[in-house]
């Protein structure tokens, strides 16, 4: 498993994890090189674990990051949304 960690809630501009319409929104930062993400394609990593800006740990399938992969890897700030049933709704790069 590939483990990644983001900065904590004390960071300037950090947004607390929120809830609206029964959906939960989790904010995190991610920096992953192309060679690190290649581990997913090689079968060495199937999931990603991140720490939200407020310190919660989330684990999700590495395939959810595929739309954000560039020739330089994956880097940026993201929001992951889950529904009332704790199932994935969507992920957006902010």
PDB file of N, CA and C in Angstrom:
ATOM      1  N   UNK A   1       0.843  -1.175   0.000  1.00  0.00           N
ATOM      2  CA  UNK A   1       0.000   0.000   0.000  1.00  0.00           C
ATOM      3  C   UNK A   1       0.882   1.230   0.000  1.00  0.00           C
ATOM      4  N   UNK A   2       0.472   2.252  -0.721  1.00  0.00           N
ATOM      5  CA  UNK A   2       1.182   3.509  -0.815  1.00  0.00           C
ATOM      6  C   UNK A   2       0.583   4.468   0.203  1.00  0.00           C
ATOM      7  N   UNK A   3       1.380   4.989   1.105  1.00  0.00           N
ATOM      8  CA  UNK A   3       0.883   5.899   2.126  1.00  0.00           C
ATOM      9  C   UNK A   3       1.367   7.308   1.842  1.00  0.00           C
ATOM     10  N   UNK A   4       0.456   8.260   1.903  1.00  0.00           N
ATOM     11  CA  UNK A   4       0.777   9.659   1.672  1.00  0.00           C
ATOM     12  C   UNK A   4       0.192  10.486   2.795  1.00  0.00           C
ATOM     13  N   UNK A   5       0.856  11.547   3.148  1.00  0.00           N
ATOM     14  CA  UNK A   5       0.373  12.372   4.244  1.00  0.00           C
ATOM     15  C   UNK A   5       0.344  13.839   3.831  1.00  0.00           C
ATOM     16  N   UNK A   6      -0.680  14.536   4.254  1.00  0.00           N
ATOM     17  CA  UNK A   6      -0.837  15.950   3.947  1.00  0.00           C
ATOM     18  C   UNK A   6      -0.610  16.774   5.203  1.00  0.00           C
ATOM     19  N   UNK A   7      -0.526  18.089   5.010  1.00  0.00           N
ATOM     20  CA  UNK A   7      -0.281  18.993   6.134  1.00  0.00           C
ATOM     21  C   UNK A   7      -1.496  19.041   7.071  1.00  0.00           C
ATOM     22  N   UNK A   8      -1.282  19.501   8.285  1.00  0.00           N
ATOM     23  CA  UNK A   8      -2.337  19.566   9.287  1.00  0.00           C
ATOM     24  C   UNK A   8      -3.215  20.784   9.184  1.00  0.00           C
ATOM     25  N   UNK A   9      -4.220  20.839  10.038  1.00  0.00           N
ATOM     26  CA  UNK A   9      -5.241  21.883  10.010  1.00  0.00           C
ATOM     27  C   UNK A   9      -4.704  23.263  10.374  1.00  0.00           C
ATOM     28  N   UNK A  10      -3.564  23.341  10.991  1.00  0.00           N
ATOM     29  CA  UNK A  10      -3.011  24.630  11.400  1.00  0.00           C
ATOM     30  C   UNK A  10      -2.413  25.406  10.233  1.00  0.00           C
ATOM     31  N   UNK A  11      -2.348  24.794   9.085  1.00  0.00           N
ATOM     32  CA  UNK A  11      -1.744  25.436   7.923  1.00  0.00           C
ATOM     33  C   UNK A  11      -2.603  26.620   7.477  1.00  0.00           C
ATOM     34  N   UNK A  12      -1.972  27.733   7.098  1.00  0.00           N
ATOM     35  CA  UNK A  12      -2.746  28.877   6.614  1.00  0.00           C
ATOM     36  C   UNK A  12      -3.640  28.475   5.446  1.00  0.00           C
ATOM     37  N   UNK A  13      -4.877  28.882   5.481  1.00  0.00           N
ATOM     38  CA  UNK A  13      -5.819  28.586   4.417  1.00  0.00           C
ATOM     39  C   UNK A  13      -6.482  27.220   4.513  1.00  0.00           C
ATOM     40  N   UNK A  14      -6.163  26.461   5.553  1.00  0.00           N
ATOM     41  CA  UNK A  14      -6.763  25.132   5.704  1.00  0.00           C
ATOM     42  C   UNK A  14      -8.255  25.275   5.961  1.00  0.00           C
ATOM     43  N   UNK A  15      -9.017  24.377   5.393  1.00  0.00           N
ATOM     44  CA  UNK A  15     -10.467  24.374   5.565  1.00  0.00           C
ATOM     45  C   UNK A  15     -10.843  23.145   6.369  1.00  0.00           C
ATOM     46  N   UNK A  16     -11.697  23.341   7.350  1.00  0.00           N
ATOM     47  CA  UNK A  16     -12.154  22.196   8.140  1.00  0.00           C
ATOM     48  C   UNK A  16     -12.979  21.270   7.260  1.00  0.00           C
ATOM     49  N   UNK A  17     -12.904  19.980   7.561  1.00  0.00           N
ATOM     50  CA  UNK A  17     -13.747  19.019   6.873  1.00  0.00           C
ATOM     51  C   UNK A  17     -15.194  19.416   7.136  1.00  0.00           C
ATOM     52  N   UNK A  18     -16.035  19.363   6.114  1.00  0.00           N
ATOM     53  CA  UNK A  18     -17.393  19.884   6.237  1.00  0.00           C
ATOM     54  C   UNK A  18     -18.423  18.835   5.849  1.00  0.00           C
ATOM     55  N   UNK A  19     -19.684  19.166   6.142  1.00  0.00           N
ATOM     56  CA  UNK A  19     -20.803  18.293   5.800  1.00  0.00           C
ATOM     57  C   UNK A  19     -21.920  19.158   5.239  1.00  0.00           C
ATOM     58  N   UNK A  20     -22.498  18.755   4.102  1.00  0.00           N
ATOM     59  CA  UNK A  20     -23.645  19.471   3.541  1.00  0.00           C
ATOM     60  C   UNK A  20     -24.539  18.472   2.820  1.00  0.00           C
ATOM     61  N   UNK A  21     -25.837  18.630   2.966  1.00  0.00           N
ATOM     62  CA  UNK A  21     -26.811  17.733   2.330  1.00  0.00           C
ATOM     63  C   UNK A  21     -26.510  16.267   2.616  1.00  0.00           C
ATOM     64  N   UNK A  22     -25.979  15.979   3.791  1.00  0.00           N
ATOM     65  CA  UNK A  22     -25.658  14.610   4.144  1.00  0.00           C
ATOM     66  C   UNK A  22     -24.341  14.118   3.576  1.00  0.00           C
ATOM     67  N   UNK A  23     -23.699  14.926   2.728  1.00  0.00           N
ATOM     68  CA  UNK A  23     -22.403  14.551   2.167  1.00  0.00           C
ATOM     69  C   UNK A  23     -21.290  15.132   3.016  1.00  0.00           C
ATOM     70  N   UNK A  24     -20.192  14.396   3.118  1.00  0.00           N
ATOM     71  CA  UNK A  24     -19.029  14.866   3.865  1.00  0.00           C
ATOM     72  C   UNK A  24     -17.930  15.229   2.868  1.00  0.00           C
ATOM     73  N   UNK A  25     -17.257  16.350   3.131  1.00  0.00           N
ATOM     74  CA  UNK A  25     -16.203  16.851   2.262  1.00  0.00           C
ATOM     75  C   UNK A  25     -14.892  16.873   3.039  1.00  0.00           C
ATOM     76  N   UNK A  26     -13.862  16.249   2.489  1.00  0.00           N
ATOM     77  CA  UNK A  26     -12.558  16.164   3.135  1.00  0.00           C
ATOM     78  C   UNK A  26     -11.515  16.823   2.243  1.00  0.00           C
ATOM     79  N   UNK A  27     -10.764  17.757   2.815  1.00  0.00           N
ATOM     80  CA  UNK A  27      -9.758  18.527   2.075  1.00  0.00           C
ATOM     81  C   UNK A  27      -8.362  18.015   2.405  1.00  0.00           C
ATOM     82  N   UNK A  28      -7.543  17.840   1.371  1.00  0.00           N
ATOM     83  CA  UNK A  28      -6.169  17.391   1.587  1.00  0.00           C
ATOM     84  C   UNK A  28      -5.268  17.882   0.460  1.00  0.00           C
ATOM     85  N   UNK A  29      -3.987  17.907   0.741  1.00  0.00           N
ATOM     86  CA  UNK A  29      -2.962  18.256  -0.249  1.00  0.00           C
ATOM     87  C   UNK A  29      -2.193  17.000  -0.588  1.00  0.00           C
ATOM     88  N   UNK A  30      -1.745  16.929  -1.837  1.00  0.00           N
ATOM     89  CA  UNK A  30      -1.078  15.734  -2.300  1.00  0.00           C
ATOM     90  C   UNK A  30       0.042  16.101  -3.267  1.00  0.00           C
ATOM     91  N   UNK A  31       1.166  15.464  -3.093  1.00  0.00           N
ATOM     92  CA  UNK A  31       2.280  15.581  -4.037  1.00  0.00           C
ATOM     93  C   UNK A  31       2.803  14.174  -4.272  1.00  0.00           C
ATOM     94  N   UNK A  32       2.635  13.708  -5.482  1.00  0.00           N
ATOM     95  CA  UNK A  32       2.984  12.338  -5.832  1.00  0.00           C
ATOM     96  C   UNK A  32       3.665  12.367  -7.191  1.00  0.00           C
ATOM     97  N   UNK A  33       4.891  11.895  -7.256  1.00  0.00           N
ATOM     98  CA  UNK A  33       5.618  11.895  -8.532  1.00  0.00           C
ATOM     99  C   UNK A  33       5.026  10.844  -9.468  1.00  0.00           C
ATOM    100  N   UNK A  34       5.332  10.999 -10.739  1.00  0.00           N
ATOM    101  CA  UNK A  34       4.851  10.030 -11.715  1.00  0.00           C
ATOM    102  C   UNK A  34       5.390   8.637 -11.401  1.00  0.00           C
ATOM    103  N   UNK A  35       6.645   8.552 -10.972  1.00  0.00           N
ATOM    104  CA  UNK A  35       7.225   7.243 -10.650  1.00  0.00           C
ATOM    105  C   UNK A  35       6.566   6.628  -9.415  1.00  0.00           C
ATOM    106  N   UNK A  36       6.135   7.447  -8.458  1.00  0.00           N
ATOM    107  CA  UNK A  36       5.424   6.917  -7.297  1.00  0.00           C
ATOM    108  C   UNK A  36       4.069   6.360  -7.715  1.00  0.00           C
ATOM    109  N   UNK A  37       3.354   7.077  -8.596  1.00  0.00           N
ATOM    110  CA  UNK A  37       2.050   6.599  -9.044  1.00  0.00           C
ATOM    111  C   UNK A  37       2.189   5.365  -9.928  1.00  0.00           C
ATOM    112  N   UNK A  38       3.323   5.215 -10.574  1.00  0.00           N
ATOM    113  CA  UNK A  38       3.588   4.045 -11.410  1.00  0.00           C
ATOM    114  C   UNK A  38       3.463   2.755 -10.597  1.00  0.00           C
ATOM    115  N   UNK A  39       3.716   2.824  -9.303  1.00  0.00           N
ATOM    116  CA  UNK A  39       3.568   1.647  -8.431  1.00  0.00           C
ATOM    117  C   UNK A  39       2.157   1.081  -8.499  1.00  0.00           C
ATOM    118  N   UNK A  40       1.164   1.946  -8.704  1.00  0.00           N
ATOM    119  CA  UNK A  40      -0.221   1.489  -8.850  1.00  0.00           C
ATOM    120  C   UNK A  40      -0.352   0.617 -10.098  1.00  0.00           C
ATOM    121  N   UNK A  41       0.194   1.099 -11.214  1.00  0.00           N
ATOM    122  CA  UNK A  41       0.109   0.342 -12.466  1.00  0.00           C
ATOM    123  C   UNK A  41       0.893  -0.966 -12.399  1.00  0.00           C
ATOM    124  N   UNK A  42       1.925  -1.002 -11.597  1.00  0.00           N
ATOM    125  CA  UNK A  42       2.736  -2.209 -11.453  1.00  0.00           C
ATOM    126  C   UNK A  42       2.130  -3.191 -10.449  1.00  0.00           C
ATOM    127  N   UNK A  43       1.016  -2.827  -9.836  1.00  0.00           N
ATOM    128  CA  UNK A  43       0.344  -3.705  -8.893  1.00  0.00           C
ATOM    129  C   UNK A  43       0.921  -3.678  -7.486  1.00  0.00           C
ATOM    130  N   UNK A  44       1.834  -2.745  -7.221  1.00  0.00           N
ATOM    131  CA  UNK A  44       2.450  -2.653  -5.899  1.00  0.00           C
ATOM    132  C   UNK A  44       1.606  -1.833  -4.924  1.00  0.00           C
ATOM    133  N   UNK A  45       0.714  -1.014  -5.436  1.00  0.00           N
ATOM    134  CA  UNK A  45      -0.136  -0.169  -4.586  1.00  0.00           C
ATOM    135  C   UNK A  45      -1.546  -0.181  -5.160  1.00  0.00           C
ATOM    136  N   UNK A  46      -2.519  -0.467  -4.322  1.00  0.00           N
ATOM    137  CA  UNK A  46      -3.902  -0.463  -4.795  1.00  0.00           C
ATOM    138  C   UNK A  46      -4.714   0.665  -4.165  1.00  0.00           C
ATOM    139  N   UNK A  47      -4.222   1.192  -3.060  1.00  0.00           N
ATOM    140  CA  UNK A  47      -4.961   2.265  -2.393  1.00  0.00           C
ATOM    141  C   UNK A  47      -4.005   3.360  -1.925  1.00  0.00           C
ATOM    142  N   UNK A  48      -4.581   4.510  -1.681  1.00  0.00           N
ATOM    143  CA  UNK A  48      -3.858   5.688  -1.221  1.00  0.00           C
ATOM    144  C   UNK A  48      -4.415   6.049   0.148  1.00  0.00           C
ATOM    145  N   UNK A  49      -3.541   6.394   1.067  1.00  0.00           N
ATOM    146  CA  UNK A  49      -3.987   6.903   2.361  1.00  0.00           C
ATOM    147  C   UNK A  49      -3.456   8.318   2.496  1.00  0.00           C
ATOM    148  N   UNK A  50      -4.352   9.246   2.804  1.00  0.00           N
ATOM    149  CA  UNK A  50      -3.977  10.638   3.009  1.00  0.00           C
ATOM    150  C   UNK A  50      -4.463  11.078   4.380  1.00  0.00           C
ATOM    151  N   UNK A  51      -3.873  12.142   4.870  1.00  0.00           N
ATOM    152  CA  UNK A  51      -4.337  12.783   6.090  1.00  0.00           C
ATOM    153  C   UNK A  51      -4.942  14.119   5.686  1.00  0.00           C
ATOM    154  N   UNK A  52      -6.187  14.354   6.073  1.00  0.00           N
ATOM    155  CA  UNK A  52      -6.862  15.598   5.696  1.00  0.00           C
ATOM    156  C   UNK A  52      -6.219  16.774   6.405  1.00  0.00           C
ATOM    157  N   UNK A  53      -6.594  17.964   5.983  1.00  0.00           N
ATOM    158  CA  UNK A  53      -6.063  19.176   6.595  1.00  0.00           C
ATOM    159  C   UNK A  53      -6.426  19.270   8.071  1.00  0.00           C
ATOM    160  N   UNK A  54      -7.415  18.507   8.504  1.00  0.00           N
ATOM    161  CA  UNK A  54      -7.822  18.507   9.912  1.00  0.00           C
ATOM    162  C   UNK A  54      -7.407  17.250  10.652  1.00  0.00           C
ATOM    163  N   UNK A  55      -6.553  16.452  10.034  1.00  0.00           N
ATOM    164  CA  UNK A  55      -5.964  15.328  10.735  1.00  0.00           C
ATOM    165  C   UNK A  55      -6.649  13.982  10.604  1.00  0.00           C
ATOM    166  N   UNK A  56      -7.737  13.882   9.846  1.00  0.00           N
ATOM    167  CA  UNK A  56      -8.400  12.591   9.661  1.00  0.00           C
ATOM    168  C   UNK A  56      -7.680  11.806   8.573  1.00  0.00           C
ATOM    169  N   UNK A  57      -7.590  10.500   8.766  1.00  0.00           N
ATOM    170  CA  UNK A  57      -6.964   9.644   7.764  1.00  0.00           C
ATOM    171  C   UNK A  57      -8.034   9.050   6.860  1.00  0.00           C
ATOM    172  N   UNK A  58      -7.798   9.149   5.559  1.00  0.00           N
ATOM    173  CA  UNK A  58      -8.709   8.591   4.566  1.00  0.00           C
ATOM    174  C   UNK A  58      -7.946   7.615   3.693  1.00  0.00           C
ATOM    175  N   UNK A  59      -8.599   6.546   3.309  1.00  0.00           N
ATOM    176  CA  UNK A  59      -8.014   5.586   2.373  1.00  0.00           C
ATOM    177  C   UNK A  59      -9.007   5.398   1.231  1.00  0.00           C
ATOM    178  N   UNK A  60      -8.494   5.447   0.009  1.00  0.00           N
ATOM    179  CA  UNK A  60      -9.343   5.273  -1.151  1.00  0.00           C
ATOM    180  C   UNK A  60      -8.544   4.606  -2.267  1.00  0.00           C
ATOM    181  N   UNK A  61      -9.233   4.032  -3.269  1.00  0.00           N
ATOM    182  CA  UNK A  61      -8.527   3.356  -4.362  1.00  0.00           C
ATOM    183  C   UNK A  61      -7.636   4.333  -5.137  1.00  0.00           C
ATOM    184  N   UNK A  62      -6.429   3.893  -5.459  1.00  0.00           N
ATOM    185  CA  UNK A  62      -5.490   4.726  -6.212  1.00  0.00           C
ATOM    186  C   UNK A  62      -6.068   5.117  -7.567  1.00  0.00           C
ATOM    187  N   UNK A  63      -6.958   4.306  -8.092  1.00  0.00           N
ATOM    188  CA  UNK A  63      -7.559   4.604  -9.401  1.00  0.00           C
ATOM    189  C   UNK A  63      -8.340   5.914  -9.399  1.00  0.00           C
ATOM    190  N   UNK A  64      -8.788   6.382  -8.232  1.00  0.00           N
ATOM    191  CA  UNK A  64      -9.537   7.645  -8.144  1.00  0.00           C
ATOM    192  C   UNK A  64      -8.670   8.851  -8.510  1.00  0.00           C
ATOM    193  N   UNK A  65      -7.354   8.683  -8.486  1.00  0.00           N
ATOM    194  CA  UNK A  65      -6.448   9.790  -8.812  1.00  0.00           C
ATOM    195  C   UNK A  65      -6.067   9.836 -10.289  1.00  0.00           C
ATOM    196  N   UNK A  66      -6.431   8.823 -11.036  1.00  0.00           N
ATOM    197  CA  UNK A  66      -6.044   8.742 -12.453  1.00  0.00           C
ATOM    198  C   UNK A  66      -6.398   9.999 -13.254  1.00  0.00           C
ATOM    199  N   UNK A  67      -7.580  10.610 -13.072  1.00  0.00           N
ATOM    200  CA  UNK A  67      -7.910  11.800 -13.871  1.00  0.00           C
ATOM    201  C   UNK A  67      -6.975  12.992 -13.616  1.00  0.00           C
ATOM    202  N   UNK A  68      -6.238  12.971 -12.512  1.00  0.00           N
ATOM    203  CA  UNK A  68      -5.390  14.108 -12.144  1.00  0.00           C
ATOM    204  C   UNK A  68      -3.921  13.881 -12.481  1.00  0.00           C
ATOM    205  N   UNK A  69      -3.608  12.740 -13.079  1.00  0.00           N
ATOM    206  CA  UNK A  69      -2.225  12.389 -13.388  1.00  0.00           C
ATOM    207  C   UNK A  69      -1.731  13.182 -14.596  1.00  0.00           C
ATOM    208  N   UNK A  70      -0.574  13.827 -14.441  1.00  0.00           N
ATOM    209  CA  UNK A  70       0.086  14.534 -15.535  1.00  0.00           C
ATOM    210  C   UNK A  70       1.456  13.905 -15.750  1.00  0.00           C
ATOM    211  N   UNK A  71       2.197  14.412 -16.699  1.00  0.00           N
ATOM    212  CA  UNK A  71       3.536  13.866 -16.936  1.00  0.00           C
ATOM    213  C   UNK A  71       4.453  14.097 -15.749  1.00  0.00           C
ATOM    214  N   UNK A  72       4.103  15.033 -14.874  1.00  0.00           N
ATOM    215  CA  UNK A  72       4.902  15.310 -13.674  1.00  0.00           C
ATOM    216  C   UNK A  72       4.389  14.597 -12.436  1.00  0.00           C
ATOM    217  N   UNK A  73       3.295  13.880 -12.550  1.00  0.00           N
ATOM    218  CA  UNK A  73       2.708  13.194 -11.399  1.00  0.00           C
ATOM    219  C   UNK A  73       1.391  13.830 -11.006  1.00  0.00           C
ATOM    220  N   UNK A  74       1.122  13.852  -9.710  1.00  0.00           N
ATOM    221  CA  UNK A  74      -0.113  14.432  -9.172  1.00  0.00           C
ATOM    222  C   UNK A  74       0.273  15.389  -8.066  1.00  0.00           C
ATOM    223  N   UNK A  75      -0.172  16.629  -8.176  1.00  0.00           N
ATOM    224  CA  UNK A  75       0.151  17.609  -7.145  1.00  0.00           C
ATOM    225  C   UNK A  75      -0.982  18.608  -7.039  1.00  0.00           C
ATOM    226  N   UNK A  76      -1.346  18.947  -5.803  1.00  0.00           N
ATOM    227  CA  UNK A  76      -2.360  19.964  -5.608  1.00  0.00           C
ATOM    228  C   UNK A  76      -3.178  19.753  -4.361  1.00  0.00           C
ATOM    229  N   UNK A  77      -4.226  20.534  -4.285  1.00  0.00           N
ATOM    230  CA  UNK A  77      -5.166  20.484  -3.176  1.00  0.00           C
ATOM    231  C   UNK A  77      -6.458  19.886  -3.717  1.00  0.00           C
ATOM    232  N   UNK A  78      -7.056  18.980  -2.955  1.00  0.00           N
ATOM    233  CA  UNK A  78      -8.217  18.233  -3.411  1.00  0.00           C
ATOM    234  C   UNK A  78      -9.309  18.232  -2.355  1.00  0.00           C
ATOM    235  N   UNK A  79     -10.530  17.979  -2.809  1.00  0.00           N
ATOM    236  CA  UNK A  79     -11.644  17.717  -1.894  1.00  0.00           C
ATOM    237  C   UNK A  79     -12.267  16.394  -2.335  1.00  0.00           C
ATOM    238  N   UNK A  80     -12.406  15.490  -1.375  1.00  0.00           N
ATOM    239  CA  UNK A  80     -13.032  14.193  -1.610  1.00  0.00           C
ATOM    240  C   UNK A  80     -14.395  14.231  -0.931  1.00  0.00           C
ATOM    241  N   UNK A  81     -15.435  13.852  -1.663  1.00  0.00           N
ATOM    242  CA  UNK A  81     -16.799  13.883  -1.139  1.00  0.00           C
ATOM    243  C   UNK A  81     -17.335  12.460  -1.030  1.00  0.00           C
ATOM    244  N   UNK A  82     -17.928  12.170   0.134  1.00  0.00           N
ATOM    245  CA  UNK A  82     -18.589  10.886   0.337  1.00  0.00           C
ATOM    246  C   UNK A  82     -20.042  11.137   0.724  1.00  0.00           C
ATOM    247  N   UNK A  83     -20.900  10.188   0.392  1.00  0.00           N
ATOM    248  CA  UNK A  83     -22.328  10.308   0.674  1.00  0.00           C
ATOM    249  C   UNK A  83     -22.671   9.864   2.088  1.00  0.00           C
ATOM    250  N   UNK A  84     -23.959   9.890   2.394  1.00  0.00           N
ATOM    251  CA  UNK A  84     -24.446   9.493   3.715  1.00  0.00           C
ATOM    252  C   UNK A  84     -24.086   8.055   4.040  1.00  0.00           C
ATOM    253  N   UNK A  85     -23.934   7.233   3.018  1.00  0.00           N
ATOM    254  CA  UNK A  85     -23.596   5.824   3.215  1.00  0.00           C
ATOM    255  C   UNK A  85     -22.078   5.592   3.250  1.00  0.00           C
ATOM    256  N   UNK A  86     -21.313   6.678   3.326  1.00  0.00           N
ATOM    257  CA  UNK A  86     -19.845   6.642   3.357  1.00  0.00           C
ATOM    258  C   UNK A  86     -19.231   6.081   2.086  1.00  0.00           C
ATOM    259  N   UNK A  87     -19.938   6.181   0.977  1.00  0.00           N
ATOM    260  CA  UNK A  87     -19.411   5.752  -0.312  1.00  0.00           C
ATOM    261  C   UNK A  87     -18.937   6.964  -1.104  1.00  0.00           C
ATOM    262  N   UNK A  88     -17.943   6.729  -1.938  1.00  0.00           N
ATOM    263  CA  UNK A  88     -17.358   7.776  -2.767  1.00  0.00           C
ATOM    264  C   UNK A  88     -18.421   8.440  -3.651  1.00  0.00           C
ATOM    265  N   UNK A  89     -18.410   9.788  -3.668  1.00  0.00           N
ATOM    266  CA  UNK A  89     -19.282  10.549  -4.572  1.00  0.00           C
ATOM    267  C   UNK A  89     -18.428  11.154  -5.677  1.00  0.00           C
ATOM    268  N   UNK A  90     -17.415  11.947  -5.295  1.00  0.00           N
ATOM    269  CA  UNK A  90     -16.493  12.497  -6.285  1.00  0.00           C
ATOM    270  C   UNK A  90     -15.251  13.078  -5.625  1.00  0.00           C
ATOM    271  N   UNK A  91     -14.302  13.438  -6.470  1.00  0.00           N
ATOM    272  CA  UNK A  91     -13.083  14.104  -6.021  1.00  0.00           C
ATOM    273  C   UNK A  91     -12.801  15.234  -7.017  1.00  0.00           C
ATOM    274  N   UNK A  92     -12.430  16.379  -6.482  1.00  0.00           N
ATOM    275  CA  UNK A  92     -12.110  17.527  -7.325  1.00  0.00           C
ATOM    276  C   UNK A  92     -10.781  18.106  -6.906  1.00  0.00           C
ATOM    277  N   UNK A  93     -10.049  18.601  -7.894  1.00  0.00           N
ATOM    278  CA  UNK A  93      -8.827  19.346  -7.591  1.00  0.00           C
ATOM    279  C   UNK A  93      -9.229  20.803  -7.452  1.00  0.00           C
ATOM    280  N   UNK A  94      -8.777  21.430  -6.392  1.00  0.00           N
ATOM    281  CA  UNK A  94      -9.142  22.830  -6.130  1.00  0.00           C
ATOM    282  C   UNK A  94      -8.107  23.788  -6.694  1.00  0.00           C
TER     283      UNK A  94
END
